[in-house]
C-alpha atoms as a PDB file:
ATOM      1  CA  MET A   1     -20.342  -6.074  -8.656  1.00  0.00           C
ATOM      2  CA  ALA A   2     -18.886  -4.255  -5.642  1.00  0.00           C
ATOM      3  CA  HIS A   3     -21.074  -2.360  -3.209  1.00  0.00           C
ATOM      4  CA  PRO A   4     -21.862   1.201  -4.430  1.00  0.00           C
ATOM      5  CA  GLU A   5     -20.122   2.706  -1.390  1.00  0.00           C
ATOM      6  CA  LEU A   6     -16.793   1.307  -2.611  1.00  0.00           C
ATOM      7  CA  ASN A   7     -14.523   3.505  -4.760  1.00  0.00           C
ATOM      8  CA  LEU A   8     -13.412   1.118  -7.499  1.00  0.00           C
ATOM      9  CA  PRO A   9     -11.251   1.075  -9.458  1.00  0.00           C
ATOM     10  CA  SER A  10      -9.036   2.941  -7.037  1.00  0.00           C
ATOM     11  CA  PRO A  11      -6.830   5.756  -8.402  1.00  0.00           C
ATOM     12  CA  LEU A  12      -3.282   5.249  -9.618  1.00  0.00           C
ATOM     13  CA  GLN A  13      -1.675   8.558  -8.657  1.00  0.00           C
ATOM     14  CA  LYS A  14       1.659   9.896  -9.831  1.00  0.00           C
ATOM     15  CA  ILE A  15       3.570  11.563  -7.009  1.00  0.00           C
ATOM     16  CA  TYR A  16       6.662  13.753  -6.875  1.00  0.00           C
ATOM     17  CA  PRO A  17       8.465  13.392  -3.526  1.00  0.00           C
ATOM     18  CA  SER A  18      11.940  14.871  -3.282  1.00  0.00           C
ATOM     19  CA  GLY A  19      14.708  12.530  -4.389  1.00  0.00           C
ATOM     20  CA  PHE A  20      12.540  10.770  -6.982  1.00  0.00           C
ATOM     21  CA  GLU A  21      12.959  13.259  -9.830  1.00  0.00           C
ATOM     22  CA  ASP A  22      14.605  10.713 -12.135  1.00  0.00           C
ATOM     23  CA  ILE A  23      11.920   8.022 -11.961  1.00  0.00           C
ATOM     24  CA  ASN A  24       8.168   7.895 -12.506  1.00  0.00           C
ATOM     25  CA  LEU A  25       6.699   7.096  -9.099  1.00  0.00           C
ATOM     26  CA  TYR A  26       3.063   6.078  -8.755  1.00  0.00           C
ATOM     27  CA  ILE A  27       1.033   5.030  -5.739  1.00  0.00           C
ATOM     28  CA  LYS A  28      -1.933   2.691  -6.062  1.00  0.00           C
ATOM     29  CA  ARG A  29      -4.464   4.401  -3.805  1.00  0.00           C
ATOM     30  CA  ASP A  30      -6.293   1.371  -2.458  1.00  0.00           C
ATOM     31  CA  ASP A  31      -6.598   3.364   0.767  1.00  0.00           C
ATOM     32  CA  LEU A  32      -9.391   5.261  -1.034  1.00  0.00           C
ATOM     33  CA  ILE A  33     -11.580   2.199  -1.681  1.00  0.00           C
ATOM     34  CA  HIS A  34     -13.485   2.878   1.549  1.00  0.00           C
ATOM     35  CA  THR A  35     -12.823   4.631   4.846  1.00  0.00           C
ATOM     36  CA  HIS A  36     -12.815   1.355   6.784  1.00  0.00           C
ATOM     37  CA  ILE A  37     -12.704  -1.431   4.147  1.00  0.00           C
ATOM     38  CA  SER A  38      -9.561  -0.124   2.521  1.00  0.00           C
ATOM     39  CA  GLY A  39      -6.612  -1.485   0.654  1.00  0.00           C
ATOM     40  CA  ASN A  40      -5.821  -5.140   0.505  1.00  0.00           C
ATOM     41  CA  LYS A  41      -8.529  -5.924   3.071  1.00  0.00           C
ATOM     42  CA  TRP A  42     -11.284  -5.402   0.501  1.00  0.00           C
ATOM     43  CA  ARG A  43      -9.213  -7.012  -2.247  1.00  0.00           C
ATOM     44  CA  LYS A  44      -8.872 -10.158  -0.121  1.00  0.00           C
ATOM     45  CA  LEU A  45     -12.501 -10.147   1.038  1.00  0.00           C
ATOM     46  CA  GLN A  46     -14.015  -9.173  -2.320  1.00  0.00           C
ATOM     47  CA  LYS A  47     -14.940 -12.575  -3.705  1.00  0.00           C
ATOM     48  CA  THR A  48     -16.195 -13.722  -0.318  1.00  0.00           C
ATOM     49  CA  PHE A  49     -18.747 -10.912  -0.110  1.00  0.00           C
ATOM     50  CA  VAL A  50     -19.714 -10.650  -3.761  1.00  0.00           C
ATOM     51  CA  ASN A  51     -20.293 -14.377  -4.194  1.00  0.00           C
ATOM     52  CA  LEU A  52     -21.316 -15.427  -0.671  1.00  0.00           C
ATOM     53  CA  ASN A  53     -23.945 -18.164  -0.841  1.00  0.00           C
ATOM     54  CA  THR A  54     -26.324 -16.999   1.875  1.00  0.00           C
ATOM     55  CA  ASN A  55     -28.281 -20.243   1.620  1.00  0.00           C
ATOM     56  CA  LYS A  56     -25.196 -22.121   2.756  1.00  0.00           C
ATOM     57  CA  TYR A  57     -23.828 -19.691   5.353  1.00  0.00           C
ATOM     58  CA  ASP A  58     -25.591 -17.676   8.038  1.00  0.00           C
ATOM     59  CA  LYS A  59     -22.594 -15.621   9.088  1.00  0.00           C
ATOM     60  CA  ILE A  60     -18.856 -15.038   8.870  1.00  0.00           C
ATOM     61  CA  VAL A  61     -16.425 -15.901  11.654  1.00  0.00           C
ATOM     62  CA  THR A  62     -12.869 -14.599  11.640  1.00  0.00           C
ATOM     63  CA  PHE A  63      -9.810 -13.872  13.797  1.00  0.00           C
ATOM     64  CA  GLY A  64      -7.498 -10.970  14.592  1.00  0.00           C
ATOM     65  CA  GLY A  65      -5.515  -8.965  17.098  1.00  0.00           C
ATOM     66  CA  ALA A  66      -6.972  -6.196  19.232  1.00  0.00           C
ATOM     67  CA  PHE A  67      -5.969  -3.507  16.695  1.00  0.00           C
ATOM     68  CA  SER A  68      -6.562  -5.545  13.521  1.00  0.00           C
ATOM     69  CA  ASN A  69      -7.363  -3.811  10.225  1.00  0.00           C
ATOM     70  CA  HIS A  70      -8.872  -7.087   9.047  1.00  0.00           C
ATOM     71  CA  LEU A  71     -11.437  -7.156  11.853  1.00  0.00           C
ATOM     72  CA  VAL A  72     -12.621  -3.622  11.089  1.00  0.00           C
ATOM     73  CA  ALA A  73     -12.822  -4.295   7.355  1.00  0.00           C
ATOM     74  CA  THR A  74     -14.759  -7.514   7.901  1.00  0.00           C
ATOM     75  CA  ALA A  75     -17.187  -5.900  10.354  1.00  0.00           C
ATOM     76  CA  VAL A  76     -17.970  -2.986   8.041  1.00  0.00           C
ATOM     77  CA  ALA A  77     -18.164  -5.151   4.911  1.00  0.00           C
ATOM     78  CA  CYS A  78     -20.574  -7.508   6.662  1.00  0.00           C
ATOM     79  CA  SER A  79     -22.694  -4.536   7.718  1.00  0.00           C
ATOM     80  CA  LEU A  80     -22.835  -3.188   4.144  1.00  0.00           C
ATOM     81  CA  HIS A  81     -23.866  -6.593   2.802  1.00  0.00           C
ATOM     82  CA  GLY A  82     -26.308  -7.468   5.609  1.00  0.00           C
ATOM     83  CA  ILE A  83     -24.306 -10.445   6.887  1.00  0.00           C
ATOM     84  CA  ASN A  84     -23.918 -11.416  10.542  1.00  0.00           C
ATOM     85  CA  CYS A  85     -20.343 -11.754  11.761  1.00  0.00           C
ATOM     86  CA  SER A  86     -18.265 -12.512  14.818  1.00  0.00           C
ATOM     87  CA  ALA A  87     -14.558 -12.569  15.612  1.00  0.00           C
ATOM     88  CA  TYR A  88     -12.178 -14.217  18.040  1.00  0.00           C
ATOM     89  CA  VAL A  89      -9.777 -11.550  19.271  1.00  0.00           C
ATOM     90  CA  ARG A  90      -6.268 -12.125  20.611  1.00  0.00           C
ATOM     91  CA  THR A  91      -6.786 -10.413  23.964  1.00  0.00           C
ATOM     92  CA  ASP A  92      -7.627 -11.285  27.553  1.00  0.00           C
ATOM     93  CA  SER A  93     -10.725  -9.074  27.559  1.00  0.00           C
ATOM     94  CA  ILE A  94     -12.626  -6.810  25.174  1.00  0.00           C
ATOM     95  CA  ASP A  95     -11.528  -3.228  25.852  1.00  0.00           C
ATOM     96  CA  LEU A  96     -14.493  -1.060  24.915  1.00  0.00           C
ATOM     97  CA  GLN A  97     -12.250   2.029  24.767  1.00  0.00           C
ATOM     98  CA  ASN A  98     -10.026   0.441  22.133  1.00  0.00           C
ATOM     99  CA  PRO A  99     -10.956   2.390  18.937  1.00  0.00           C
ATOM    100  CA  THR A 100     -10.536  -0.667  16.712  1.00  0.00           C
ATOM    101  CA  LEU A 101     -12.772  -2.945  18.752  1.00  0.00           C
ATOM    102  CA  ALA A 102     -15.265  -0.125  19.361  1.00  0.00           C
ATOM    103  CA  LEU A 103     -15.589   0.294  15.582  1.00  0.00           C
ATOM    104  CA  CYS A 104     -16.136  -3.438  15.131  1.00  0.00           C
ATOM    105  CA  LEU A 105     -18.899  -3.389  17.743  1.00  0.00           C
ATOM    106  CA  LYS A 106     -20.452  -0.288  16.186  1.00  0.00           C
ATOM    107  CA  TYR A 107     -20.900  -2.195  12.936  1.00  0.00           C
ATOM    108  CA  GLY A 108     -22.443  -5.209  14.630  1.00  0.00           C
ATOM    109  CA  MET A 109     -19.545  -7.635  14.951  1.00  0.00           C
ATOM    110  CA  LYS A 110     -19.709  -9.899  18.008  1.00  0.00           C
ATOM    111  CA  LEU A 111     -16.334 -10.188  19.717  1.00  0.00           C
ATOM    112  CA  PHE A 112     -14.967 -13.064  21.791  1.00  0.00           C
ATOM    113  CA  PRO A 113     -11.611 -12.769  23.606  1.00  0.00           C
ATOM    114  CA  LEU A 114      -9.014 -15.515  23.395  1.00  0.00           C
ATOM    115  CA  ASP A 115      -5.824 -15.513  25.448  1.00  0.00           C
ATOM    116  CA  ARG A 116      -2.596 -15.763  23.461  1.00  0.00           C
ATOM    117  CA  ASN A 117      -2.080 -19.482  24.117  1.00  0.00           C
ATOM    118  CA  THR A 118      -5.576 -20.412  22.958  1.00  0.00           C
ATOM    119  CA  TYR A 119      -5.389 -18.009  20.026  1.00  0.00           C
ATOM    120  CA  SER A 120      -2.178 -19.686  18.830  1.00  0.00           C
ATOM    121  CA  GLU A 121      -4.219 -22.863  18.281  1.00  0.00           C
ATOM    122  CA  LYS A 122      -6.543 -21.208  15.739  1.00  0.00           C
ATOM    123  CA  ARG A 123      -5.216 -23.356  12.891  1.00  0.00           C
ATOM    124  CA  ASP A 124      -5.275 -26.645  14.799  1.00  0.00           C
ATOM    125  CA  ASP A 125      -7.690 -29.229  13.431  1.00  0.00           C
ATOM    126  CA  ASP A 126      -9.333 -29.865  16.814  1.00  0.00           C
ATOM    127  CA  PHE A 127      -9.853 -26.143  17.433  1.00  0.00           C
ATOM    128  CA  LEU A 128     -11.322 -25.594  13.966  1.00  0.00           C
ATOM    129  CA  ALA A 129     -13.564 -28.645  14.316  1.00  0.00           C
ATOM    130  CA  GLU A 130     -14.924 -27.230  17.572  1.00  0.00           C
ATOM    131  CA  LEU A 131     -15.536 -23.874  15.889  1.00  0.00           C
ATOM    132  CA  HIS A 132     -17.420 -25.539  13.049  1.00  0.00           C
ATOM    133  CA  GLU A 133     -19.520 -27.432  15.566  1.00  0.00           C
ATOM    134  CA  THR A 134     -20.297 -24.232  17.469  1.00  0.00           C
ATOM    135  CA  ASN A 135     -20.921 -22.298  14.243  1.00  0.00           C
ATOM    136  CA  PRO A 136     -22.243 -24.942  11.818  1.00  0.00           C
ATOM    137  CA  ARG A 137     -23.409 -22.532   9.095  1.00  0.00           C
ATOM    138  CA  SER A 138     -20.548 -20.059   9.321  1.00  0.00           C
ATOM    139  CA  LEU A 139     -17.824 -19.276   6.802  1.00  0.00           C
ATOM    140  CA  LEU A 140     -14.471 -19.164   8.606  1.00  0.00           C
ATOM    141  CA  ILE A 141     -12.032 -16.549   7.257  1.00  0.00           C
ATOM    142  CA  PRO A 142      -8.419 -16.830   8.499  1.00  0.00           C
ATOM    143  CA  GLU A 143      -6.573 -14.032  10.259  1.00  0.00           C
ATOM    144  CA  GLY A 144      -5.706 -11.213   7.869  1.00  0.00           C
ATOM    145  CA  GLY A 145      -8.001 -12.585   5.166  1.00  0.00           C
ATOM    146  CA  PHE A 146      -5.351 -15.001   3.864  1.00  0.00           C
ATOM    147  CA  HIS A 147      -7.615 -17.213   1.754  1.00  0.00           C
ATOM    148  CA  PRO A 148      -7.803 -18.652  -1.810  1.00  0.00           C
ATOM    149  CA  ASN A 149     -10.746 -16.286  -2.410  1.00  0.00           C
ATOM    150  CA  ALA A 150      -8.193 -13.457  -2.408  1.00  0.00           C
ATOM    151  CA  ILE A 151      -7.010 -14.407  -5.895  1.00  0.00           C
ATOM    152  CA  GLU A 152      -9.806 -12.604  -7.717  1.00  0.00           C
ATOM    153  CA  GLY A 153      -9.485  -9.320  -5.837  1.00  0.00           C
ATOM    154  CA  LEU A 154      -5.724  -9.140  -6.198  1.00  0.00           C
ATOM    155  CA  SER A 155      -5.869  -9.972  -9.909  1.00  0.00           C
ATOM    156  CA  GLU A 156      -8.338  -7.095 -10.370  1.00  0.00           C
ATOM    157  CA  MET A 157      -6.046  -4.685  -8.514  1.00  0.00           C
ATOM    158  CA  MET A 158      -3.144  -5.594 -10.784  1.00  0.00           C
ATOM    159  CA  ALA A 159      -5.313  -5.361 -13.910  1.00  0.00           C
ATOM    160  CA  GLU A 160      -6.322  -1.832 -12.879  1.00  0.00           C
ATOM    161  CA  ILE A 161      -2.650  -0.868 -12.707  1.00  0.00           C
ATOM    162  CA  HIS A 162      -1.679  -2.509 -15.993  1.00  0.00           C
ATOM    163  CA  SER A 163      -4.541  -0.748 -17.756  1.00  0.00           C
ATOM    164  CA  LYS A 164      -2.793   2.566 -16.971  1.00  0.00           C
ATOM    165  CA  ILE A 165       0.953   1.918 -17.171  1.00  0.00           C
ATOM    166  CA  ASN A 166       3.566  -0.802 -17.652  1.00  0.00           C
ATOM    167  CA  PRO A 167       5.457  -0.914 -14.342  1.00  0.00           C
ATOM    168  CA  ASP A 168       9.126  -1.812 -14.176  1.00  0.00           C
ATOM    169  CA  LEU A 169       8.996  -2.275 -10.418  1.00  0.00           C
ATOM    170  CA  PHE A 170       6.308  -2.939  -7.814  1.00  0.00           C
ATOM    171  CA  VAL A 171       6.904  -2.161  -4.137  1.00  0.00           C
ATOM    172  CA  VAL A 172       4.568  -3.849  -1.675  1.00  0.00           C
ATOM    173  CA  SER A 173       4.430  -4.572   2.040  1.00  0.00           C
ATOM    174  CA  LEU A 174       3.982  -8.017   3.528  1.00  0.00           C
ATOM    175  CA  GLY A 175       2.002  -9.310   6.504  1.00  0.00           C
ATOM    176  CA  THR A 176       0.546 -12.769   5.879  1.00  0.00           C
ATOM    177  CA  GLY A 177       2.114 -12.811   2.403  1.00  0.00           C
ATOM    178  CA  CYS A 178      -1.179 -12.927   0.523  1.00  0.00           C
ATOM    179  CA  THR A 179      -1.041  -9.501  -1.154  1.00  0.00           C
ATOM    180  CA  ALA A 180       2.682  -9.661  -1.908  1.00  0.00           C
ATOM    181  CA  SER A 181       2.163 -13.074  -3.457  1.00  0.00           C
ATOM    182  CA  GLY A 182      -0.689 -11.711  -5.585  1.00  0.00           C
ATOM    183  CA  VAL A 183       1.518  -8.880  -6.864  1.00  0.00           C
ATOM    184  CA  VAL A 184       4.170 -11.456  -7.787  1.00  0.00           C
ATOM    185  CA  GLN A 185       1.618 -13.675  -9.544  1.00  0.00           C
ATOM    186  CA  TYR A 186       0.167 -10.896 -11.728  1.00  0.00           C
ATOM    187  CA  ARG A 187       3.231  -8.696 -12.173  1.00  0.00           C
ATOM    188  CA  LYS A 188       3.856  -9.696 -15.850  1.00  0.00           C
ATOM    189  CA  ASP A 189       7.572  -8.922 -16.402  1.00  0.00           C
ATOM    190  CA  SER A 190       8.021  -6.436 -13.566  1.00  0.00           C
ATOM    191  CA  GLN A 191      10.433  -6.689 -10.679  1.00  0.00           C
ATOM    192  CA  VAL A 192       8.919  -6.830  -7.188  1.00  0.00           C
ATOM    193  CA  TRP A 193      10.420  -5.507  -3.968  1.00  0.00           C
ATOM    194  CA  ILE A 194       8.734  -6.848  -0.849  1.00  0.00           C
ATOM    195  CA  SER A 195       8.934  -4.997   2.465  1.00  0.00           C
ATOM    196  CA  PRO A 196       7.993  -7.344   5.336  1.00  0.00           C
ATOM    197  CA  ALA A 197       6.238  -5.907   8.369  1.00  0.00           C
ATOM    198  CA  ILE A 198       7.474  -8.954  10.274  1.00  0.00           C
ATOM    199  CA  LYS A 199      11.106  -9.437  11.245  1.00  0.00           C
ATOM    200  CA  GLN A 200      13.021 -12.444   9.913  1.00  0.00           C
ATOM    201  CA  PHE A 201      10.533 -13.288   7.172  1.00  0.00           C
ATOM    202  CA  THR A 202      12.363 -15.586   4.741  1.00  0.00           C
ATOM    203  CA  SER A 203      12.210 -16.199   1.017  1.00  0.00           C
ATOM    204  CA  ALA A 204      11.142 -19.760   1.780  1.00  0.00           C
ATOM    205  CA  ALA A 205       8.124 -18.461   3.695  1.00  0.00           C
ATOM    206  CA  ILE A 206       6.826 -16.363   0.810  1.00  0.00           C
ATOM    207  CA  VAL A 207       7.454 -19.194  -1.658  1.00  0.00           C
ATOM    208  CA  LYS A 208       5.320 -21.430   0.579  1.00  0.00           C
ATOM    209  CA  ALA A 209       2.601 -18.773   0.873  1.00  0.00           C
ATOM    210  CA  HIS A 210       2.600 -18.228  -2.894  1.00  0.00           C
ATOM    211  CA  HIS A 211       2.338 -21.904  -3.709  1.00  0.00           C
ATOM    212  CA  SER A 212      -0.448 -22.468  -1.160  1.00  0.00           C
ATOM    213  CA  ILE A 213      -2.672 -20.025  -3.071  1.00  0.00           C
ATOM    214  CA  TYR A 214      -1.541 -20.038  -6.695  1.00  0.00           C
ATOM    215  CA  LYS A 215      -0.003 -23.501  -7.109  1.00  0.00           C
ATOM    216  CA  SER A 216       2.537 -21.997  -9.492  1.00  0.00           C
ATOM    217  CA  ASN A 217       6.281 -21.430  -9.642  1.00  0.00           C
ATOM    218  CA  PHE A 218       7.710 -18.476  -7.732  1.00  0.00           C
ATOM    219  CA  PRO A 219      10.070 -16.267  -9.812  1.00  0.00           C
ATOM    220  CA  LYS A 220      12.775 -15.782  -7.182  1.00  0.00           C
ATOM    221  CA  ASP A 221      15.106 -14.031  -9.633  1.00  0.00           C
ATOM    222  CA  GLN A 222      12.616 -11.165 -10.092  1.00  0.00           C
ATOM    223  CA  VAL A 223      11.580 -10.771  -6.465  1.00  0.00           C
ATOM    224  CA  LYS A 224      13.549  -9.295  -3.579  1.00  0.00           C
ATOM    225  CA  ILE A 225      12.671  -9.255   0.108  1.00  0.00           C
ATOM    226  CA  ILE A 226      14.208  -6.066   1.508  1.00  0.00           C
ATOM    227  CA  TYR A 227      14.297  -4.854   5.098  1.00  0.00           C
ATOM    228  CA  HIS A 228      15.168  -1.310   6.072  1.00  0.00           C
ATOM    229  CA  LYS A 229      18.086  -1.211   8.482  1.00  0.00           C
ATOM    230  CA  GLU A 230      15.897   0.411  11.159  1.00  0.00           C
ATOM    231  CA  ASP A 231      12.940  -1.990  10.874  1.00  0.00           C
ATOM    232  CA  ARG A 232      11.549  -3.130  14.192  1.00  0.00           C
ATOM    233  CA  ALA A 233       9.323  -6.022  15.155  1.00  0.00           C
ATOM    234  CA  TYR A 234       5.745  -6.149  13.914  1.00  0.00           C
ATOM    235  CA  ALA A 235       3.515  -3.197  14.885  1.00  0.00           C
ATOM    236  CA  LYS A 236       5.990  -1.780  17.410  1.00  0.00           C
ATOM    237  CA  LYS A 237       6.133   1.937  18.117  1.00  0.00           C
ATOM    238  CA  ASP A 238       8.747   3.447  15.799  1.00  0.00           C
ATOM    239  CA  LEU A 239       8.860   7.225  16.131  1.00  0.00           C
ATOM    240  CA  GLN A 240      11.501   7.639  13.425  1.00  0.00           C
ATOM    241  CA  LEU A 241       9.264   5.800  10.949  1.00  0.00           C
ATOM    242  CA  PHE A 242       6.199   7.756  12.092  1.00  0.00           C
ATOM    243  CA  LEU A 243       7.996  11.060  11.537  1.00  0.00           C
ATOM    244  CA  GLU A 244       8.954   9.972   8.009  1.00  0.00           C
ATOM    245  CA  ILE A 245       5.287   9.208   7.325  1.00  0.00           C
ATOM    246  CA  GLU A 246       4.349  12.647   8.691  1.00  0.00           C
ATOM    247  CA  SER A 247       6.862  14.211   6.287  1.00  0.00           C
ATOM    248  CA  PHE A 248       5.492  12.169   3.379  1.00  0.00           C
ATOM    249  CA  LEU A 249       1.989  13.392   4.233  1.00  0.00           C
ATOM    250  CA  LYS A 250       3.129  17.036   4.231  1.00  0.00           C
ATOM    251  CA  GLU A 251       4.931  16.599   0.906  1.00  0.00           C
ATOM    252  CA  THR A 252       2.352  14.563  -1.031  1.00  0.00           C
ATOM    253  CA  GLY A 253      -0.932  14.962   0.846  1.00  0.00           C
ATOM    254  CA  ILE A 254      -1.127  11.170   1.213  1.00  0.00           C
ATOM    255  CA  LEU A 255      -1.246   9.412   4.581  1.00  0.00           C
ATOM    256  CA  LEU A 256       0.452   6.013   4.798  1.00  0.00           C
ATOM    257  CA  ASP A 257      -0.321   3.466   7.486  1.00  0.00           C
ATOM    258  CA  PRO A 258       2.259   2.895  10.267  1.00  0.00           C
ATOM    259  CA  ILE A 259       2.597  -0.901   9.989  1.00  0.00           C
ATOM    260  CA  TYR A 260       2.765  -1.863   6.323  1.00  0.00           C
ATOM    261  CA  THR A 261       2.963   0.745   3.548  1.00  0.00           C
ATOM    262  CA  GLY A 262       4.867   3.193   5.738  1.00  0.00           C
ATOM    263  CA  LYS A 263       7.649   0.631   6.062  1.00  0.00           C
ATOM    264  CA  ALA A 264       7.537  -0.091   2.332  1.00  0.00           C
ATOM    265  CA  TRP A 265       7.936   3.633   1.577  1.00  0.00           C
ATOM    266  CA  ARG A 266      10.909   3.987   3.900  1.00  0.00           C
ATOM    267  CA  MET A 267      12.583   0.963   2.310  1.00  0.00           C
ATOM    268  CA  LEU A 268      11.947   2.299  -1.204  1.00  0.00           C
ATOM    269  CA  LYS A 269      13.388   5.681  -0.307  1.00  0.00           C
ATOM    270  CA  SER A 270      16.562   4.060   1.042  1.00  0.00           C
ATOM    271  CA  LYS A 271      17.045   2.085  -2.203  1.00  0.00           C
ATOM    272  CA  ILE A 272      16.348   4.851  -4.728  1.00  0.00           C
ATOM    273  CA  SER A 273      19.928   4.735  -6.040  1.00  0.00           C
ATOM    274  CA  ASN A 274      19.344   1.127  -7.153  1.00  0.00           C
ATOM    275  CA  ILE A 275      16.506   2.050  -9.525  1.00  0.00           C
ATOM    276  CA  GLU A 276      17.265   2.802 -13.174  1.00  0.00           C
ATOM    277  CA  LYS A 277      16.414   6.331 -14.304  1.00  0.00           C
ATOM    278  CA  GLY A 278      13.116   6.618 -16.132  1.00  0.00           C
ATOM    279  CA  SER A 279      11.647   3.510 -14.492  1.00  0.00           C
ATOM    280  CA  ASN A 280       7.931   3.234 -13.751  1.00  0.00           C
ATOM    281  CA  VAL A 281       7.641   2.340 -10.068  1.00  0.00           C
ATOM    282  CA  VAL A 282       4.358   1.506  -8.339  1.00  0.00           C
ATOM    283  CA  LEU A 283       4.019   1.597  -4.559  1.00  0.00           C
ATOM    284  CA  ILE A 284       0.947  -0.361  -3.435  1.00  0.00           C
ATOM    285  CA  HIS A 285      -0.963   1.462  -0.669  1.00  0.00           C
ATOM    286  CA  THR A 286      -2.568  -1.395   1.250  1.00  0.00           C
ATOM    287  CA  GLY A 287      -4.760   0.885   3.378  1.00  0.00           C
ATOM    288  CA  GLY A 288      -5.219   0.169   7.080  1.00  0.00           C
ATOM    289  CA  LEU A 289      -5.136   3.786   8.240  1.00  0.00           C
ATOM    290  CA  GLN A 290      -7.316   3.004  11.261  1.00  0.00           C
ATOM    291  CA  ALA A 291      -4.155   1.546  12.851  1.00  0.00           C
ATOM    292  CA  TRP A 292      -3.123   5.135  13.652  1.00  0.00           C
ATOM    293  CA  LYS A 293      -6.029   5.403  16.105  1.00  0.00           C
ATOM    294  CA  GLY A 294      -4.596   2.480  18.009  1.00  0.00           C
ATOM    295  CA  TYR A 295      -1.224   4.176  18.313  1.00  0.00           C
ATOM    296  CA  PHE A 296      -2.739   7.465  19.453  1.00  0.00           C
ATOM    297  CA  TYR A 297      -4.842   5.510  21.979  1.00  0.00           C
ATOM    298  CA  ARG A 298      -1.830   3.652  23.417  1.00  0.00           C
ATOM    299  CA  PHE A 299       0.681   6.513  23.153  1.00  0.00           C
ATOM    300  CA  PRO A 300      -1.122   9.867  23.680  1.00  0.00           C
ATOM    301  CA  ALA A 301       2.131  11.860  23.329  1.00  0.00           C
ATOM    302  CA  LEU A 302       2.119  11.026  19.605  1.00  0.00           C
ATOM    303  CA  LYS A 303      -0.717  13.514  19.124  1.00  0.00           C
ATOM    304  CA  ASP A 304       1.750  16.361  19.612  1.00  0.00           C
ATOM    305  CA  GLN A 305       4.609  14.665  17.752  1.00  0.00           C
ATOM    306  CA  LEU A 306       2.502  13.854  14.669  1.00  0.00           C
ATOM    307  CA  PRO A 307       0.056  16.775  14.431  1.00  0.00           C
ATOM    308  CA  GLU A 308      -0.829  16.394  10.723  1.00  0.00           C
ATOM    309  CA  ILE A 309      -1.579  12.680  11.029  1.00  0.00           C
ATOM    310  CA  PHE A 310      -3.576  13.222  14.203  1.00  0.00           C
ATOM    311  CA  LYS A 311      -5.599  15.977  12.546  1.00  0.00           C
ATOM    312  CA  ILE A 312      -6.707  13.556   9.826  1.00  0.00           C
ATOM    313  CA  MET A 313      -7.503  10.703  12.172  1.00  0.00           C
ATOM    314  CA  ALA A 314      -9.380  12.915  14.621  1.00  0.00           C
ATOM    315  CA  ASN A 315     -11.787  13.837  11.815  1.00  0.00           C
ATOM    316  CA  GLU A 316     -12.499  10.236  10.809  1.00  0.00           C
ATOM    317  CA  VAL A 317     -15.836   8.746  11.883  1.00  0.00           C
END
């Protein structure tokens, strides 16, 4: 059973943005699961926290960048479940003014900086062996929560959707490939459009990611990887995208994140003419709204350019 502070199952909300009058557009509001443990972060961590054998493990150790949604979600989830945790952060030093890292520290996560070269070795056998030796009773969770334990949480998300409607098309963002692969695995007969947050992500890469978790065939004929023509590199400032998210917020009352679901929405909007009239389309909101605080921290001018988004984030604890 999930923690009582978690809003599960999350709502499946029908929305009516302009230009989508001829299809039935829904958004899976996983952003509403929890203020900080939202979206696919809880889905991927769910089994770890619900079934954690505390007699075997004393704490959780994980990895992430200086503005990582995964680090925040892990820190808060550990706090709710009374589990010690620490993280190795891709940064030269821990910036206490960074809103992401400050939130991690607030919830009791211990942070250790790693320079980029050392951080790039986080999957090397020697590095992992040293970590296990330093943390002998710790459960290591990979960056982004990409882990076989994610299967259960993602299957539950898809079951929640299928209990309400029969989708013709799923639209989902992609970071590590874990969530997108889960949507593909449990899609039934639906098509899936994948919007990568990372440039030059290939079909071969998602096939590899899918097989590493599910050990099953990947239905390439029903899955498309689609980039928007204006997509930039991962997590880069993209004012045009941000303004589209601001407009979406004004029109629907729903805030999308600037790295993942925002890109997926922009891609979907650009491909609306390719969707058959009357189709049931589900956009997966993978949460991660705290990323906006990082952008406002690094680029203060955005506060005036994105007043509605800033108003929401300024009120978040």
